[in-house]
Structure formats: structure tokens, C-alpha cells
């Protein structure tokens, strides 16, 4: 196979996957352990994995739609992508979503890490197991002992905490308050 042939095959595979994408940005069930059907032969996780391997990025429309779908589901107060009686479905689903968002959008890293650590901080062993997070958070403080996660974390759900971020100091105060609460839980 020559290079031109392989590019044609990749485009064909991408198009086959994109054709299966739903209007909400998903490919039906999220988790790869869900059973695909004849009508929906792959899960969202499988589609994302294949499209990542084939070179699509957050700048490509199908991935942008999938990211919006995952971000929407991450903000829900109930489990949306994983339902299991033996596990904390909300926590497990949020961690899966955060991991996939992180893969395609590493610039969103801080917000996702904070959200995941807030979920994990509710577990009794969190202070023992998440010491590395405490160290990392403390290393991110500025010279005034504050944190600033940047305006990119403004999602209308988690941020802003205050009424306005017109001033950078308001944003820093919000970020510092949220991270301070998390640190108190992790250092208990």
C-alpha cells in the first residue's frame, strides 16, 4: 500500500465513524464495556479512541461535538454515562469523562483535575492517598498564596463563584476559595 492509499483508507474510516455520531455529540452508550448493537456498532469511547488514533483533534468538528457532550455530562448532578450498582457510578463516570476530555484538550487540565479531586476528596482514604495532589496544588500558588486557574475555567456551573470576573482579583479570589476548600478536605 502506498501513502496515498493509506490516507484514503484513513479518511474512509473516519467518515464511517463520523456517520454514526448522534446529534448530541455521542455515539450512543459511552463505556466500551457496553454492548454495541447492529444499529450502533460502537460506543462513544470506542469512537473517540479510533478517531484519536486516526489523528483527529479538538479542532475537528466531530471531536468538538464529543467534547461538548462530555463536558455537559460532567456537569450533571447524577450519573449519565455509567450505571453500575457496585460502584459509585457518578464518580466513575466523571473520571472517565475527565480522562477523555484531558486526552483531547490538555489545556483544560487544571479544571478537570480540580473537579476530579473534589469528587475523590469525599472518600475516607482521600487524605492518605492524595498527598501528591496537595503537593501539586501548593506548587501552583502564586507569590501571594493565591491560585488563578484562568478565565478558561468559567463554565457557569463551577465558576464563577462571585457575581463577576471583570477583575482578575475576583477570579483569583474564587479560585483560591475553591482550592482552599479542597485542600482542607485533603489535609484532614
N, C-alpha and C. Protein backbone atom coordinates (compact mmCIF):
# COMPACT_ATOMS: atom_id res chain seq x y z
N UNK A 1 0.84 -1.17 0.00
CA UNK A 1 0.00 0.00 0.00
C UNK A 1 0.89 1.24 0.00
N UNK A 2 0.58 2.17 -0.86
CA UNK A 2 1.33 3.41 -0.93
C UNK A 2 0.71 4.44 0.02
N UNK A 3 1.45 5.52 0.29
CA UNK A 3 1.00 6.54 1.23
C UNK A 3 -0.37 7.08 0.83
N UNK A 4 -0.60 7.35 -0.41
CA UNK A 4 -1.89 7.87 -0.88
C UNK A 4 -3.03 6.92 -0.57
N UNK A 5 -2.77 5.62 -0.71
CA UNK A 5 -3.79 4.61 -0.41
C UNK A 5 -4.14 4.60 1.08
N UNK A 6 -3.12 4.72 1.92
CA UNK A 6 -3.38 4.69 3.36
C UNK A 6 -4.16 5.93 3.79
N UNK A 7 -3.88 7.10 3.19
CA UNK A 7 -4.63 8.31 3.52
C UNK A 7 -6.09 8.16 3.12
N UNK A 8 -6.35 7.53 1.96
CA UNK A 8 -7.72 7.30 1.51
C UNK A 8 -8.45 6.37 2.47
N UNK A 9 -7.78 5.32 2.91
CA UNK A 9 -8.38 4.37 3.85
C UNK A 9 -8.69 5.06 5.17
N UNK A 10 -7.75 5.88 5.68
CA UNK A 10 -7.98 6.61 6.93
C UNK A 10 -9.19 7.53 6.81
N UNK A 11 -9.28 8.26 5.71
CA UNK A 11 -10.42 9.15 5.51
C UNK A 11 -11.73 8.35 5.49
N UNK A 12 -11.70 7.22 4.83
CA UNK A 12 -12.89 6.36 4.76
C UNK A 12 -13.28 5.88 6.16
N UNK A 13 -12.32 5.47 6.95
CA UNK A 13 -12.61 5.01 8.32
C UNK A 13 -13.16 6.15 9.17
N UNK A 14 -12.56 7.32 9.05
CA UNK A 14 -13.04 8.48 9.80
C UNK A 14 -14.49 8.77 9.43
N UNK A 15 -14.78 8.78 8.15
CA UNK A 15 -16.14 9.08 7.69
C UNK A 15 -17.14 8.04 8.20
N UNK A 16 -16.75 6.77 8.21
CA UNK A 16 -17.65 5.73 8.73
C UNK A 16 -17.98 5.97 10.20
N UNK A 17 -16.99 6.38 10.98
CA UNK A 17 -17.21 6.65 12.41
C UNK A 17 -18.06 7.90 12.59
N UNK A 18 -17.74 8.96 11.86
CA UNK A 18 -18.47 10.22 11.98
C UNK A 18 -19.93 10.04 11.58
N UNK A 19 -20.19 9.22 10.59
CA UNK A 19 -21.56 8.97 10.15
C UNK A 19 -22.43 8.36 11.25
N UNK A 20 -21.81 7.72 12.22
CA UNK A 20 -22.55 7.09 13.32
C UNK A 20 -22.79 8.04 14.51
N UNK A 21 -22.18 9.22 14.47
CA UNK A 21 -22.29 10.15 15.60
C UNK A 21 -23.72 10.68 15.72
N UNK A 22 -24.22 10.74 16.96
CA UNK A 22 -25.55 11.24 17.23
C UNK A 22 -25.55 12.77 17.27
N UNK A 23 -26.75 13.34 17.22
CA UNK A 23 -26.89 14.80 17.26
C UNK A 23 -26.31 15.40 18.55
N UNK A 24 -26.35 14.63 19.66
CA UNK A 24 -25.85 15.15 20.93
C UNK A 24 -24.33 15.11 21.04
N UNK A 25 -23.65 14.57 20.02
CA UNK A 25 -22.20 14.50 20.03
C UNK A 25 -21.65 13.15 20.45
N UNK A 26 -22.53 12.25 20.90
CA UNK A 26 -22.09 10.92 21.34
C UNK A 26 -22.23 9.92 20.21
N UNK A 27 -21.86 8.71 20.52
CA UNK A 27 -22.08 7.56 19.63
C UNK A 27 -22.94 6.56 20.40
N UNK A 28 -23.92 7.03 21.12
CA UNK A 28 -24.77 6.15 21.93
C UNK A 28 -24.14 5.92 23.28
N UNK A 29 -24.16 4.67 23.74
CA UNK A 29 -23.58 4.34 25.04
C UNK A 29 -22.14 4.83 25.10
N UNK A 30 -21.70 5.23 26.29
CA UNK A 30 -20.36 5.78 26.40
C UNK A 30 -19.29 4.71 26.56
N UNK A 31 -19.44 3.88 27.56
CA UNK A 31 -18.38 2.98 28.01
C UNK A 31 -18.19 1.79 27.05
N UNK A 32 -16.94 1.43 26.80
CA UNK A 32 -16.62 0.35 25.87
C UNK A 32 -17.15 -1.01 26.31
N UNK A 33 -17.43 -1.18 27.61
CA UNK A 33 -17.97 -2.45 28.05
C UNK A 33 -19.47 -2.56 27.78
N UNK A 34 -20.10 -1.47 27.35
CA UNK A 34 -21.49 -1.53 26.93
C UNK A 34 -21.55 -2.35 25.65
N UNK A 35 -22.61 -3.04 25.45
CA UNK A 35 -22.72 -3.90 24.28
C UNK A 35 -23.20 -3.11 23.06
N UNK A 36 -22.35 -2.98 22.04
CA UNK A 36 -22.80 -2.33 20.81
C UNK A 36 -23.94 -3.13 20.16
N UNK A 37 -24.73 -2.46 19.38
CA UNK A 37 -25.84 -3.10 18.68
C UNK A 37 -25.59 -3.03 17.18
N UNK A 38 -26.43 -3.70 16.42
CA UNK A 38 -26.29 -3.66 14.97
C UNK A 38 -26.48 -2.22 14.45
N UNK A 39 -27.44 -1.52 15.06
CA UNK A 39 -27.71 -0.14 14.65
C UNK A 39 -26.60 0.81 15.12
N UNK A 40 -26.00 0.50 16.26
CA UNK A 40 -24.94 1.34 16.82
C UNK A 40 -23.74 0.45 17.13
N UNK A 41 -22.90 0.19 16.12
CA UNK A 41 -21.84 -0.81 16.26
C UNK A 41 -20.63 -0.40 17.11
N UNK A 42 -20.63 0.82 17.64
CA UNK A 42 -19.52 1.20 18.53
C UNK A 42 -20.03 2.16 19.59
N UNK A 43 -19.30 2.18 20.69
CA UNK A 43 -19.63 3.09 21.78
C UNK A 43 -18.91 4.42 21.57
N UNK A 44 -19.28 5.41 22.36
CA UNK A 44 -18.60 6.71 22.28
C UNK A 44 -17.12 6.56 22.59
N UNK A 45 -16.81 5.77 23.60
CA UNK A 45 -15.41 5.56 23.97
C UNK A 45 -14.63 4.91 22.82
N UNK A 46 -15.21 3.93 22.17
CA UNK A 46 -14.54 3.28 21.04
C UNK A 46 -14.33 4.26 19.89
N UNK A 47 -15.36 5.06 19.60
CA UNK A 47 -15.25 6.05 18.52
C UNK A 47 -14.14 7.05 18.82
N UNK A 48 -14.12 7.55 20.06
CA UNK A 48 -13.08 8.52 20.43
C UNK A 48 -11.69 7.91 20.32
N UNK A 49 -11.54 6.69 20.77
CA UNK A 49 -10.23 6.03 20.70
C UNK A 49 -9.78 5.92 19.24
N UNK A 50 -10.67 5.49 18.37
CA UNK A 50 -10.31 5.30 16.95
C UNK A 50 -10.01 6.64 16.28
N UNK A 51 -10.84 7.64 16.55
CA UNK A 51 -10.61 8.95 15.94
C UNK A 51 -9.31 9.58 16.44
N UNK A 52 -8.98 9.34 17.70
CA UNK A 52 -7.70 9.83 18.24
C UNK A 52 -6.54 9.16 17.52
N UNK A 53 -6.61 7.86 17.35
CA UNK A 53 -5.56 7.12 16.65
C UNK A 53 -5.44 7.60 15.20
N UNK A 54 -6.57 7.94 14.58
CA UNK A 54 -6.57 8.40 13.20
C UNK A 54 -6.18 9.87 13.07
N UNK A 55 -5.88 10.52 14.19
CA UNK A 55 -5.30 11.85 14.14
C UNK A 55 -6.24 13.03 14.33
N UNK A 56 -7.51 12.79 14.66
CA UNK A 56 -8.40 13.92 14.88
C UNK A 56 -8.07 14.61 16.21
N UNK A 57 -8.32 15.90 16.26
CA UNK A 57 -8.02 16.71 17.45
C UNK A 57 -9.27 17.48 17.86
N UNK A 58 -9.15 18.25 18.94
CA UNK A 58 -10.28 19.05 19.43
C UNK A 58 -10.72 20.09 18.41
N UNK A 59 -9.88 20.38 17.42
CA UNK A 59 -10.23 21.35 16.39
C UNK A 59 -11.10 20.77 15.29
N UNK A 60 -11.22 19.44 15.25
CA UNK A 60 -12.08 18.79 14.27
C UNK A 60 -13.51 18.75 14.80
N UNK A 61 -14.47 19.04 13.93
CA UNK A 61 -15.87 19.19 14.32
C UNK A 61 -16.44 17.98 15.08
N UNK A 62 -16.19 16.74 14.67
CA UNK A 62 -16.75 15.61 15.44
C UNK A 62 -16.20 15.53 16.86
N UNK A 63 -14.93 15.87 17.05
CA UNK A 63 -14.33 15.84 18.38
C UNK A 63 -14.85 17.01 19.20
N UNK A 64 -14.99 18.17 18.59
CA UNK A 64 -15.54 19.33 19.30
C UNK A 64 -16.94 19.02 19.81
N UNK A 65 -17.75 18.36 18.99
CA UNK A 65 -19.11 17.97 19.41
C UNK A 65 -19.05 16.95 20.55
N UNK A 66 -18.14 16.00 20.45
CA UNK A 66 -18.00 14.99 21.51
C UNK A 66 -17.52 15.64 22.81
N UNK A 67 -16.60 16.59 22.73
CA UNK A 67 -16.14 17.30 23.92
C UNK A 67 -17.28 18.06 24.59
N UNK A 68 -18.10 18.71 23.79
CA UNK A 68 -19.25 19.44 24.34
C UNK A 68 -20.21 18.47 25.04
N UNK A 69 -20.42 17.31 24.43
CA UNK A 69 -21.27 16.27 25.04
C UNK A 69 -20.68 15.81 26.38
N UNK A 70 -19.37 15.55 26.41
CA UNK A 70 -18.74 15.07 27.64
C UNK A 70 -18.74 16.14 28.73
N UNK A 71 -18.45 17.39 28.34
CA UNK A 71 -18.46 18.48 29.32
C UNK A 71 -19.86 18.67 29.91
N UNK A 72 -20.88 18.58 29.07
CA UNK A 72 -22.26 18.69 29.54
C UNK A 72 -22.57 17.59 30.56
N UNK A 73 -22.19 16.37 30.25
CA UNK A 73 -22.47 15.25 31.14
C UNK A 73 -21.67 15.33 32.43
N UNK A 74 -20.47 15.86 32.37
CA UNK A 74 -19.64 16.00 33.55
C UNK A 74 -20.27 16.96 34.56
N UNK A 75 -21.04 17.91 34.08
CA UNK A 75 -21.65 18.92 34.94
C UNK A 75 -22.97 18.46 35.57
N UNK A 76 -23.47 17.29 35.18
CA UNK A 76 -24.75 16.84 35.71
C UNK A 76 -24.61 16.32 37.13
N UNK A 77 -25.63 16.51 37.98
CA UNK A 77 -25.54 16.07 39.38
C UNK A 77 -25.82 14.58 39.58
N UNK A 78 -26.11 13.87 38.51
CA UNK A 78 -26.43 12.44 38.59
C UNK A 78 -25.61 11.69 37.55
N UNK A 79 -25.46 10.36 37.71
CA UNK A 79 -24.68 9.60 36.73
C UNK A 79 -25.35 9.61 35.36
N UNK A 80 -24.58 9.89 34.34
CA UNK A 80 -25.15 9.97 32.99
C UNK A 80 -24.54 8.98 32.01
N UNK A 81 -23.30 8.60 32.21
CA UNK A 81 -22.64 7.76 31.21
C UNK A 81 -22.31 6.36 31.70
N UNK A 82 -22.47 6.12 32.99
CA UNK A 82 -22.11 4.81 33.54
C UNK A 82 -23.05 4.51 34.69
N UNK A 83 -23.72 3.38 34.62
CA UNK A 83 -24.66 2.99 35.67
C UNK A 83 -24.29 1.59 36.16
N UNK A 84 -23.87 1.53 37.39
CA UNK A 84 -23.42 0.25 37.97
C UNK A 84 -23.78 0.26 39.44
N UNK A 85 -24.38 -0.80 39.91
CA UNK A 85 -24.80 -0.87 41.31
C UNK A 85 -23.63 -1.06 42.26
N UNK A 86 -22.55 -1.67 41.82
CA UNK A 86 -21.44 -2.00 42.71
C UNK A 86 -20.44 -0.87 42.87
N UNK A 87 -20.54 0.16 42.07
CA UNK A 87 -19.58 1.26 42.10
C UNK A 87 -20.33 2.57 42.30
N UNK A 88 -19.60 3.58 42.67
CA UNK A 88 -20.16 4.93 42.70
C UNK A 88 -20.20 5.40 41.24
N UNK A 89 -21.36 5.24 40.62
CA UNK A 89 -21.49 5.50 39.19
C UNK A 89 -21.12 6.91 38.80
N UNK A 90 -21.52 7.88 39.59
CA UNK A 90 -21.24 9.27 39.27
C UNK A 90 -19.73 9.53 39.27
N UNK A 91 -19.05 9.05 40.30
CA UNK A 91 -17.60 9.25 40.38
C UNK A 91 -16.89 8.56 39.23
N UNK A 92 -17.23 7.31 38.99
CA UNK A 92 -16.57 6.55 37.92
C UNK A 92 -16.82 7.21 36.57
N UNK A 93 -18.07 7.58 36.30
CA UNK A 93 -18.39 8.22 35.03
C UNK A 93 -17.68 9.55 34.86
N UNK A 94 -17.64 10.36 35.93
CA UNK A 94 -16.96 11.65 35.85
C UNK A 94 -15.47 11.48 35.57
N UNK A 95 -14.86 10.49 36.20
CA UNK A 95 -13.43 10.27 35.97
C UNK A 95 -13.17 9.81 34.54
N UNK A 96 -14.05 8.96 34.00
CA UNK A 96 -13.90 8.55 32.60
C UNK A 96 -14.02 9.76 31.67
N UNK A 97 -15.05 10.56 31.89
CA UNK A 97 -15.24 11.75 31.06
C UNK A 97 -14.06 12.69 31.16
N UNK A 98 -13.60 12.95 32.38
CA UNK A 98 -12.47 13.86 32.58
C UNK A 98 -11.22 13.35 31.86
N UNK A 99 -11.00 12.05 31.91
CA UNK A 99 -9.82 11.48 31.24
C UNK A 99 -9.90 11.67 29.73
N UNK A 100 -11.08 11.46 29.15
CA UNK A 100 -11.22 11.64 27.71
C UNK A 100 -11.12 13.11 27.31
N UNK A 101 -11.70 14.01 28.11
CA UNK A 101 -11.58 15.43 27.81
C UNK A 101 -10.12 15.83 27.86
N UNK A 102 -9.42 15.35 28.87
CA UNK A 102 -7.99 15.66 29.05
C UNK A 102 -7.16 15.19 27.86
N UNK A 103 -7.51 14.03 27.31
CA UNK A 103 -6.76 13.49 26.17
C UNK A 103 -6.84 14.45 24.97
N UNK A 104 -8.03 14.98 24.70
CA UNK A 104 -8.21 15.84 23.54
C UNK A 104 -7.96 17.32 23.83
N UNK A 105 -8.07 17.71 25.11
CA UNK A 105 -7.94 19.12 25.47
C UNK A 105 -7.07 19.28 26.71
N UNK A 106 -5.76 19.05 26.56
CA UNK A 106 -4.88 19.14 27.72
C UNK A 106 -4.84 20.51 28.37
N UNK A 107 -5.23 21.56 27.65
CA UNK A 107 -5.26 22.90 28.24
C UNK A 107 -6.34 23.02 29.30
N UNK A 108 -7.29 22.11 29.30
CA UNK A 108 -8.38 22.10 30.27
C UNK A 108 -7.97 21.32 31.51
N UNK A 109 -6.72 20.99 31.62
CA UNK A 109 -6.19 20.10 32.67
C UNK A 109 -6.52 20.55 34.08
N UNK A 110 -6.26 21.78 34.40
CA UNK A 110 -6.42 22.22 35.78
C UNK A 110 -7.86 22.08 36.25
N UNK A 111 -8.80 22.55 35.46
CA UNK A 111 -10.19 22.48 35.86
C UNK A 111 -10.63 21.03 36.06
N UNK A 112 -10.20 20.16 35.19
CA UNK A 112 -10.60 18.76 35.29
C UNK A 112 -9.96 18.07 36.48
N UNK A 113 -8.71 18.38 36.75
CA UNK A 113 -8.04 17.79 37.90
C UNK A 113 -8.73 18.24 39.18
N UNK A 114 -9.04 19.52 39.26
CA UNK A 114 -9.71 20.04 40.46
C UNK A 114 -11.06 19.36 40.63
N UNK A 115 -11.85 19.27 39.56
CA UNK A 115 -13.17 18.64 39.65
C UNK A 115 -13.05 17.17 40.07
N UNK A 116 -12.09 16.46 39.50
CA UNK A 116 -11.91 15.04 39.86
C UNK A 116 -11.47 14.90 41.32
N UNK A 117 -10.59 15.77 41.77
CA UNK A 117 -10.12 15.68 43.16
C UNK A 117 -11.22 16.05 44.15
N UNK A 118 -12.11 16.97 43.74
CA UNK A 118 -13.24 17.30 44.61
C UNK A 118 -14.14 16.08 44.80
N UNK A 119 -14.35 15.34 43.73
CA UNK A 119 -15.16 14.12 43.83
C UNK A 119 -14.46 13.10 44.71
N UNK A 120 -13.18 12.88 44.48
CA UNK A 120 -12.43 11.88 45.25
C UNK A 120 -12.23 12.28 46.71
N UNK A 121 -12.24 13.58 46.99
CA UNK A 121 -11.99 14.03 48.37
C UNK A 121 -13.08 13.58 49.34
N UNK A 122 -14.22 13.16 48.83
CA UNK A 122 -15.31 12.70 49.69
C UNK A 122 -15.05 11.30 50.26
N UNK A 123 -14.09 10.59 49.70
CA UNK A 123 -13.81 9.23 50.18
C UNK A 123 -12.92 9.27 51.42
N UNK A 124 -13.17 8.36 52.36
CA UNK A 124 -12.42 8.38 53.63
C UNK A 124 -10.90 8.28 53.48
N UNK A 125 -10.42 7.57 52.48
CA UNK A 125 -8.97 7.41 52.32
C UNK A 125 -8.31 8.52 51.51
N UNK A 126 -9.10 9.50 51.08
CA UNK A 126 -8.55 10.57 50.24
C UNK A 126 -7.35 11.27 50.87
N UNK A 127 -7.41 11.68 52.15
CA UNK A 127 -6.24 12.37 52.72
C UNK A 127 -4.96 11.52 52.67
N UNK A 128 -5.10 10.21 52.81
CA UNK A 128 -3.92 9.34 52.77
C UNK A 128 -3.41 9.11 51.36
N UNK A 129 -4.33 8.94 50.43
CA UNK A 129 -3.96 8.54 49.07
C UNK A 129 -3.65 9.70 48.13
N UNK A 130 -4.10 10.89 48.46
CA UNK A 130 -3.98 12.01 47.52
C UNK A 130 -2.99 13.08 47.98
N UNK A 131 -1.97 12.68 48.73
CA UNK A 131 -0.95 13.62 49.17
C UNK A 131 -0.24 14.29 48.01
N UNK A 132 -0.07 13.58 46.90
CA UNK A 132 0.59 14.16 45.73
C UNK A 132 -0.22 15.32 45.16
N UNK A 133 -1.54 15.27 45.31
CA UNK A 133 -2.40 16.35 44.83
C UNK A 133 -2.19 17.59 45.69
N UNK A 134 -2.10 17.40 46.99
CA UNK A 134 -1.86 18.52 47.91
C UNK A 134 -0.55 19.21 47.52
N UNK A 135 0.50 18.42 47.30
CA UNK A 135 1.79 18.99 46.91
C UNK A 135 1.68 19.76 45.60
N UNK A 136 0.99 19.17 44.62
CA UNK A 136 0.84 19.82 43.31
C UNK A 136 0.07 21.12 43.45
N UNK A 137 -1.05 21.09 44.20
CA UNK A 137 -1.85 22.29 44.37
C UNK A 137 -1.03 23.41 45.02
N UNK A 138 -0.29 23.06 46.05
CA UNK A 138 0.52 24.07 46.74
C UNK A 138 1.60 24.64 45.82
N UNK A 139 2.11 23.83 44.91
CA UNK A 139 3.14 24.32 43.99
C UNK A 139 2.56 25.27 42.94
N UNK A 140 1.24 25.30 42.81
CA UNK A 140 0.58 26.16 41.81
C UNK A 140 0.20 27.53 42.38
N UNK A 141 0.42 27.74 43.68
CA UNK A 141 0.11 29.03 44.29
C UNK A 141 1.04 30.12 43.77
N UNK A 142 0.51 31.33 43.67
CA UNK A 142 1.38 32.44 43.29
C UNK A 142 2.10 32.98 44.52
N UNK A 143 2.88 34.01 44.34
CA UNK A 143 3.69 34.56 45.43
C UNK A 143 2.85 35.13 46.58
N UNK A 144 1.56 35.40 46.33
CA UNK A 144 0.66 35.92 47.36
C UNK A 144 -0.17 34.82 48.02
N UNK A 145 0.14 33.56 47.68
CA UNK A 145 -0.60 32.44 48.27
C UNK A 145 -1.96 32.21 47.64
N UNK A 146 -2.16 32.73 46.44
CA UNK A 146 -3.44 32.57 45.74
C UNK A 146 -3.28 31.64 44.54
N UNK A 147 -4.42 31.21 44.02
CA UNK A 147 -4.46 30.40 42.82
C UNK A 147 -5.24 31.15 41.75
N UNK A 148 -4.84 30.98 40.51
CA UNK A 148 -5.56 31.55 39.38
C UNK A 148 -5.60 30.50 38.27
N UNK A 149 -6.77 29.94 38.06
CA UNK A 149 -6.93 28.90 37.04
C UNK A 149 -7.22 29.49 35.66
N UNK A 150 -7.29 30.80 35.57
CA UNK A 150 -7.52 31.45 34.29
C UNK A 150 -9.00 31.50 33.93
N UNK A 151 -9.32 32.33 32.96
CA UNK A 151 -10.72 32.52 32.57
C UNK A 151 -11.29 31.31 31.83
N UNK A 152 -10.45 30.42 31.38
CA UNK A 152 -10.92 29.24 30.64
C UNK A 152 -11.81 28.34 31.51
N UNK A 153 -11.70 28.42 32.84
CA UNK A 153 -12.49 27.55 33.71
C UNK A 153 -13.90 28.08 33.96
N UNK A 154 -14.19 29.26 33.47
CA UNK A 154 -15.53 29.84 33.65
C UNK A 154 -16.52 29.01 32.83
N UNK A 155 -17.35 28.23 33.53
CA UNK A 155 -18.31 27.37 32.85
C UNK A 155 -19.76 27.63 33.25
N UNK A 156 -19.98 28.56 34.18
CA UNK A 156 -21.33 28.85 34.62
C UNK A 156 -21.86 27.85 35.64
N UNK A 157 -21.12 26.79 35.90
CA UNK A 157 -21.52 25.78 36.88
C UNK A 157 -20.59 25.85 38.08
N UNK A 158 -19.32 25.57 37.86
CA UNK A 158 -18.33 25.58 38.93
C UNK A 158 -17.78 26.98 39.17
N UNK A 159 -17.68 27.76 38.12
CA UNK A 159 -17.17 29.13 38.20
C UNK A 159 -18.01 30.01 37.30
N UNK A 160 -18.15 31.26 37.64
CA UNK A 160 -17.58 31.94 38.80
C UNK A 160 -18.40 31.70 40.06
N UNK A 161 -17.74 31.82 41.19
CA UNK A 161 -18.42 31.76 42.48
C UNK A 161 -18.99 33.13 42.82
N UNK A 162 -18.24 34.17 42.50
CA UNK A 162 -18.70 35.53 42.75
C UNK A 162 -19.57 35.98 41.57
N UNK A 163 -20.10 37.18 41.68
CA UNK A 163 -21.01 37.67 40.65
C UNK A 163 -20.31 38.05 39.35
N UNK A 164 -19.05 38.41 39.42
CA UNK A 164 -18.38 38.91 38.23
C UNK A 164 -16.89 38.57 38.25
N UNK A 165 -16.34 38.38 37.06
CA UNK A 165 -14.90 38.20 36.91
C UNK A 165 -14.32 39.34 36.08
N UNK A 166 -14.95 40.50 36.13
CA UNK A 166 -14.43 41.63 35.35
C UNK A 166 -13.01 41.99 35.80
N UNK A 167 -12.74 41.73 37.08
CA UNK A 167 -11.40 42.00 37.61
C UNK A 167 -10.69 40.67 37.87
N UNK A 168 -9.44 40.60 37.54
CA UNK A 168 -8.65 39.38 37.75
C UNK A 168 -8.62 39.00 39.23
N UNK A 169 -8.65 39.99 40.11
CA UNK A 169 -8.64 39.69 41.54
C UNK A 169 -9.86 38.89 41.98
N UNK A 170 -11.02 39.16 41.36
CA UNK A 170 -12.23 38.40 41.68
C UNK A 170 -12.07 36.93 41.27
N UNK A 171 -11.50 36.73 40.09
CA UNK A 171 -11.25 35.37 39.61
C UNK A 171 -10.28 34.65 40.55
N UNK A 172 -9.21 35.31 40.93
CA UNK A 172 -8.22 34.71 41.83
C UNK A 172 -8.86 34.37 43.18
N UNK A 173 -9.72 35.26 43.67
CA UNK A 173 -10.38 35.02 44.95
C UNK A 173 -11.28 33.77 44.85
N UNK A 174 -12.01 33.64 43.75
CA UNK A 174 -12.87 32.46 43.54
C UNK A 174 -12.04 31.18 43.47
N UNK A 175 -10.97 31.22 42.68
CA UNK A 175 -10.11 30.03 42.53
C UNK A 175 -9.47 29.67 43.87
N UNK A 176 -9.03 30.66 44.60
CA UNK A 176 -8.39 30.43 45.89
C UNK A 176 -9.39 29.83 46.88
N UNK A 177 -10.61 30.32 46.88
CA UNK A 177 -11.64 29.77 47.78
C UNK A 177 -11.92 28.30 47.46
N UNK A 178 -12.09 28.01 46.20
CA UNK A 178 -12.42 26.62 45.81
C UNK A 178 -11.27 25.67 46.12
N UNK A 179 -10.07 26.05 45.79
CA UNK A 179 -8.92 25.18 46.05
C UNK A 179 -8.65 25.08 47.54
N UNK A 180 -8.87 26.15 48.27
CA UNK A 180 -8.70 26.11 49.72
C UNK A 180 -9.64 25.11 50.38
N UNK A 181 -10.87 25.07 49.94
CA UNK A 181 -11.85 24.09 50.46
C UNK A 181 -11.38 22.68 50.16
N UNK A 182 -10.92 22.45 48.95
CA UNK A 182 -10.42 21.13 48.56
C UNK A 182 -9.21 20.75 49.42
N UNK A 183 -8.30 21.66 49.62
CA UNK A 183 -7.11 21.37 50.43
C UNK A 183 -7.48 21.00 51.87
N UNK A 184 -8.46 21.70 52.43
CA UNK A 184 -8.88 21.37 53.80
C UNK A 184 -9.41 19.94 53.88
N UNK A 185 -10.14 19.51 52.86
CA UNK A 185 -10.65 18.14 52.84
C UNK A 185 -9.50 17.13 52.71
N UNK A 186 -8.54 17.46 51.87
CA UNK A 186 -7.44 16.53 51.62
C UNK A 186 -6.40 16.49 52.73
N UNK A 187 -6.36 17.54 53.53
CA UNK A 187 -5.39 17.58 54.62
C UNK A 187 -6.00 17.20 55.96
N UNK A 188 -7.25 16.77 55.94
CA UNK A 188 -7.95 16.40 57.20
C UNK A 188 -7.31 15.19 57.87
